[in-house]
Amino acid sequence: MKLKEGVKAPLFSLPDQNGKVHELKEYKGKWVLLYFYPKDDTPGCTMEACALRDNYISYKKSKIVILGVSTDKVISHKKFKEKYNLPFTLLSDENKKVVKAYGVWGKKKFMGREYTGTNRYSFLIDPDGKISKIYMKVRPKEHAEEVLNDKKEA
């Protein structure tokens, strides 16, 4: 499924780093940055998470909730969150339903090897639950500020 800006974001129900279940519909009335990343505690994913952490106060001021999603296990998210003192929620999509619903699960290439995995995409979801912006070419270090700038324009 290819999602487009302006359409309703697919609903989901996923456990966070503590096993508490979160549903997208809980965030109705709020801006949500739903960011998908390949794997906890890897260089690019750590860089992206830390950039979001370092901009967290600006996200709160802009009234944007940050939700990170990967196919890692809950315990992996817990360790990753604690190690880097991440102040936002990480959701575990072990069964890959949400990564597939958002179209971020697919073919990837790394060091000449092709495999299937989570592509680094983000979705800025507006208070009505519609996709305001899709980020398909995420640069881990710059992404946090890019989203804040786009929210100001929305």
Protein backbone atom coordinates (compact mmCIF):
# COMPACT_ATOMS: atom_id res chain seq x y z
CA MET A 1 0.00 0.00 0.00
CA LYS A 2 1.40 3.40 -0.99
CA LEU A 3 0.31 6.10 1.45
CA LYS A 4 -0.09 9.71 0.38
CA GLU A 5 -0.15 13.03 2.19
CA GLY A 6 -3.68 14.09 3.13
CA VAL A 7 -5.03 10.57 3.73
CA LYS A 8 -5.92 9.08 7.12
CA ALA A 9 -2.95 7.43 8.80
CA PRO A 10 -3.42 3.67 9.29
CA LEU A 11 -4.50 2.90 12.83
CA PHE A 12 -2.36 0.61 14.96
CA SER A 13 -1.95 -0.88 18.40
CA LEU A 14 1.63 -1.63 19.55
CA PRO A 15 3.48 -2.20 22.83
CA ASP A 16 6.07 0.33 24.00
CA GLN A 17 9.43 -0.27 25.68
CA ASN A 18 7.59 -1.19 28.92
CA GLY A 19 4.95 -3.40 27.29
CA LYS A 20 2.19 -0.77 27.57
CA VAL A 21 0.01 -0.78 24.45
CA HIS A 22 -0.39 2.46 22.49
CA GLU A 23 -3.00 3.08 19.81
CA LEU A 24 -2.78 5.86 17.24
CA LYS A 25 -6.35 6.91 18.01
CA GLU A 26 -5.19 7.88 21.55
CA TYR A 27 -3.30 10.76 19.96
CA LYS A 28 -6.27 12.30 18.14
CA GLY A 29 -6.11 16.07 18.59
CA LYS A 30 -2.28 16.02 18.70
CA TRP A 31 0.48 16.24 16.14
CA VAL A 32 2.47 12.99 15.95
CA LEU A 33 5.85 12.28 14.44
CA LEU A 34 5.72 8.55 13.66
CA TYR A 35 9.26 7.64 12.75
CA PHE A 36 10.27 4.20 11.53
CA TYR A 37 13.84 3.05 11.95
CA PRO A 38 15.68 -0.20 11.14
CA LYS A 39 17.28 -1.31 14.42
CA ASP A 40 17.95 -0.24 17.99
CA ASP A 41 21.48 0.82 18.91
CA THR A 42 22.92 0.94 15.38
CA PRO A 43 24.84 4.01 14.16
CA GLY A 44 22.19 5.72 11.99
CA CYS A 45 19.31 4.85 14.29
CA THR A 46 21.19 6.07 17.35
CA MET A 47 22.09 9.32 15.57
CA GLU A 48 18.45 9.91 14.62
CA ALA A 49 17.10 9.06 18.08
CA CYS A 50 19.67 11.28 19.81
CA ALA A 51 18.89 14.20 17.46
CA LEU A 52 15.21 13.83 18.35
CA ARG A 53 16.15 13.63 22.04
CA ASP A 54 18.27 16.78 21.74
CA ASN A 55 15.33 18.64 20.13
CA TYR A 56 12.71 17.17 22.48
CA ILE A 57 11.93 20.46 24.26
CA SER A 58 11.24 22.10 20.88
CA TYR A 59 8.93 19.20 20.00
CA LYS A 60 7.04 19.67 23.26
CA LYS A 61 6.73 23.42 22.60
CA SER A 62 5.45 22.62 19.09
CA LYS A 63 3.02 20.11 20.62
CA ILE A 64 4.40 17.16 18.63
CA VAL A 65 4.37 13.68 20.17
CA ILE A 66 7.29 11.50 19.03
CA LEU A 67 6.70 7.77 18.49
CA GLY A 68 9.55 5.62 17.21
CA VAL A 69 8.76 2.26 15.60
CA SER A 70 10.98 -0.69 14.73
CA THR A 71 10.57 -4.44 14.56
CA ASP A 72 12.87 -4.92 17.57
CA LYS A 73 11.57 -6.61 20.71
CA VAL A 74 10.19 -4.64 23.68
CA ILE A 75 13.28 -5.47 25.80
CA SER A 76 15.58 -4.14 23.07
CA HIS A 77 13.62 -0.86 23.04
CA LYS A 78 13.87 -0.62 26.82
CA LYS A 79 17.67 -0.98 26.73
CA PHE A 80 18.02 1.46 23.82
CA LYS A 81 15.80 4.07 25.51
CA GLU A 82 17.68 3.78 28.81
CA LYS A 83 21.16 3.76 27.25
CA TYR A 84 20.58 7.04 25.38
CA ASN A 85 18.11 8.62 27.82
CA LEU A 86 15.42 8.94 25.15
CA PRO A 87 12.43 10.93 26.48
CA PHE A 88 9.91 9.60 23.93
CA THR A 89 8.08 6.33 23.29
CA LEU A 90 9.50 3.45 21.25
CA LEU A 91 6.99 0.97 19.84
CA SER A 92 7.68 -2.67 19.00
CA ASP A 93 6.25 -4.05 15.74
CA GLU A 94 7.62 -7.59 15.95
CA ASN A 95 4.87 -9.04 13.74
CA LYS A 96 5.59 -6.35 11.08
CA LYS A 97 1.93 -5.39 10.61
CA VAL A 98 2.49 -1.64 11.06
CA VAL A 99 5.69 -1.39 9.00
CA LYS A 100 3.81 -3.12 6.19
CA ALA A 101 0.66 -0.95 6.62
CA TYR A 102 2.80 2.19 6.30
CA GLY A 103 4.75 0.77 3.36
CA VAL A 104 8.15 1.03 5.05
CA TRP A 105 8.95 -2.72 4.97
CA GLY A 106 10.80 -3.61 1.80
CA LYS A 107 14.00 -4.29 -0.07
CA LYS A 108 17.18 -2.62 1.13
CA LYS A 109 20.83 -2.66 0.13
CA PHE A 110 23.78 -2.42 2.46
CA MET A 111 27.40 -2.98 1.49
CA GLY A 112 26.33 -4.69 -1.74
CA ARG A 113 23.98 -7.10 0.02
CA GLU A 114 20.24 -6.99 -0.67
CA TYR A 115 17.77 -7.93 2.06
CA THR A 116 14.31 -7.11 3.39
CA GLY A 117 13.88 -4.74 6.32
CA THR A 118 12.50 -1.49 7.67
CA ASN A 119 13.27 1.58 5.60
CA ARG A 120 13.94 4.82 7.49
CA TYR A 121 10.73 6.78 6.81
CA SER A 122 8.75 9.21 8.95
CA PHE A 123 5.18 10.44 8.91
CA LEU A 124 4.00 13.72 10.42
CA ILE A 125 0.37 13.13 11.38
CA ASP A 126 -1.95 16.07 12.03
CA PRO A 127 -4.46 16.36 14.91
CA ASP A 128 -7.23 14.93 12.69
CA GLY A 129 -5.22 11.75 12.09
CA LYS A 130 -4.26 12.63 8.52
CA ILE A 131 -0.76 12.35 7.11
CA SER A 132 0.52 15.91 6.79
CA LYS A 133 4.00 15.02 5.49
CA ILE A 134 5.87 11.88 4.45
CA TYR A 135 9.65 11.76 4.77
CA MET A 136 11.17 9.10 2.52
CA LYS A 137 14.74 10.37 2.39
CA VAL A 138 15.51 10.77 6.06
CA ARG A 139 18.93 12.09 7.02
CA PRO A 140 19.30 10.92 10.63
CA LYS A 141 21.24 13.92 11.92
CA GLU A 142 19.10 16.63 10.28
CA HIS A 143 15.67 15.00 10.43
CA ALA A 144 14.61 16.32 13.86
CA GLU A 145 15.00 19.96 12.82
CA GLU A 146 13.49 19.34 9.36
CA VAL A 147 10.25 18.10 10.96
CA LEU A 148 10.09 21.09 13.34
CA ASN A 149 10.47 23.47 10.40
CA ASP A 150 7.74 21.67 8.43
CA LYS A 151 5.35 21.78 11.41
CA LYS A 152 5.79 25.56 11.60
CA GLU A 153 4.66 25.78 7.96
CA ALA A 154 1.65 23.46 8.42
